[in-house]
Amino acid sequence: MPRNRGIKLSRLRAIRERKALIQDELAELAGISRQTVVKVEGGLAG
C-alpha cells in the first residue's frame, strides 16, 4: 500500500473522533457496515 494512502485513511478516525461519533454511528450515517469502517480506518479496505 502506498504510504500516503494510509495517512489519508487514518484521517477518517481523527475526523470521526472530532465529531464524537463511534464506529457504529458513522457506519449508520454512511450506510455501510461497522466492519467496513474498521477496515477503512485500519487501512485494510482496497
C-alpha atoms as a PDB file:
ATOM      1  CA  MET A   1       0.000   0.000   0.000  1.00  0.00           C
ATOM      2  CA  PRO A   2       1.358   3.434  -0.846  1.00  0.00           C
ATOM      3  CA  ARG A   3       2.367   5.274   2.289  1.00  0.00           C
ATOM      4  CA  ASN A   4       0.328   8.428   1.608  1.00  0.00           C
ATOM      5  CA  ARG A   5      -2.853   6.403   1.193  1.00  0.00           C
ATOM      6  CA  GLY A   6      -2.530   5.074   4.749  1.00  0.00           C
ATOM      7  CA  ILE A   7      -2.196   8.622   6.028  1.00  0.00           C
ATOM      8  CA  LYS A   8      -5.389   9.679   4.260  1.00  0.00           C
ATOM      9  CA  LEU A   9      -7.314   6.696   5.598  1.00  0.00           C
ATOM     10  CA  SER A  10      -6.155   7.320   9.159  1.00  0.00           C
ATOM     11  CA  ARG A  11      -7.672  10.797   8.914  1.00  0.00           C
ATOM     12  CA  LEU A  12     -11.115   9.189   8.931  1.00  0.00           C
ATOM     13  CA  ARG A  13     -10.680   8.115  12.543  1.00  0.00           C
ATOM     14  CA  ALA A  14      -9.474  11.578  13.584  1.00  0.00           C
ATOM     15  CA  ILE A  15     -12.456  13.226  11.907  1.00  0.00           C
ATOM     16  CA  ARG A  16     -14.868  10.687  13.386  1.00  0.00           C
ATOM     17  CA  GLU A  17     -13.474  11.258  16.860  1.00  0.00           C
ATOM     18  CA  ARG A  18     -13.644  15.073  16.473  1.00  0.00           C
ATOM     19  CA  LYS A  19     -17.325  14.671  15.652  1.00  0.00           C
ATOM     20  CA  ALA A  20     -17.714  12.449  18.759  1.00  0.00           C
ATOM     21  CA  LEU A  21     -19.039   9.527  16.711  1.00  0.00           C
ATOM     22  CA  ILE A  22     -18.466   5.882  17.423  1.00  0.00           C
ATOM     23  CA  GLN A  23     -17.858   3.499  14.540  1.00  0.00           C
ATOM     24  CA  ASP A  24     -21.430   2.191  14.664  1.00  0.00           C
ATOM     25  CA  GLU A  25     -22.835   5.716  14.322  1.00  0.00           C
ATOM     26  CA  LEU A  26     -20.559   6.586  11.417  1.00  0.00           C
ATOM     27  CA  ALA A  27     -21.454   3.342   9.677  1.00  0.00           C
ATOM     28  CA  GLU A  28     -25.165   4.026  10.049  1.00  0.00           C
ATOM     29  CA  LEU A  29     -24.802   7.595   8.747  1.00  0.00           C
ATOM     30  CA  ALA A  30     -22.746   6.393   5.778  1.00  0.00           C
ATOM     31  CA  GLY A  31     -24.948   3.404   5.009  1.00  0.00           C
ATOM     32  CA  ILE A  32     -22.127   0.911   5.432  1.00  0.00           C
ATOM     33  CA  SER A  33     -21.278  -1.784   7.966  1.00  0.00           C
ATOM     34  CA  ARG A  34     -19.218  -1.146  11.078  1.00  0.00           C
ATOM     35  CA  GLN A  35     -16.775  -3.736   9.767  1.00  0.00           C
ATOM     36  CA  THR A  36     -16.193  -1.563   6.697  1.00  0.00           C
ATOM     37  CA  VAL A  37     -15.422   1.439   8.922  1.00  0.00           C
ATOM     38  CA  VAL A  38     -12.945  -0.701  10.880  1.00  0.00           C
ATOM     39  CA  LYS A  39     -11.254  -1.820   7.663  1.00  0.00           C
ATOM     40  CA  VAL A  40     -11.042   1.702   6.233  1.00  0.00           C
ATOM     41  CA  GLU A  41      -9.670   3.150   9.445  1.00  0.00           C
ATOM     42  CA  GLY A  42      -7.138   0.353   9.625  1.00  0.00           C
ATOM     43  CA  GLY A  43      -6.075   0.799   6.012  1.00  0.00           C
ATOM     44  CA  LEU A  44      -7.370  -2.622   5.004  1.00  0.00           C
ATOM     45  CA  ALA A  45     -10.009  -1.507   2.503  1.00  0.00           C
ATOM     46  CA  GLY A  46      -8.942  -1.578  -1.078  1.00  0.00           C
END
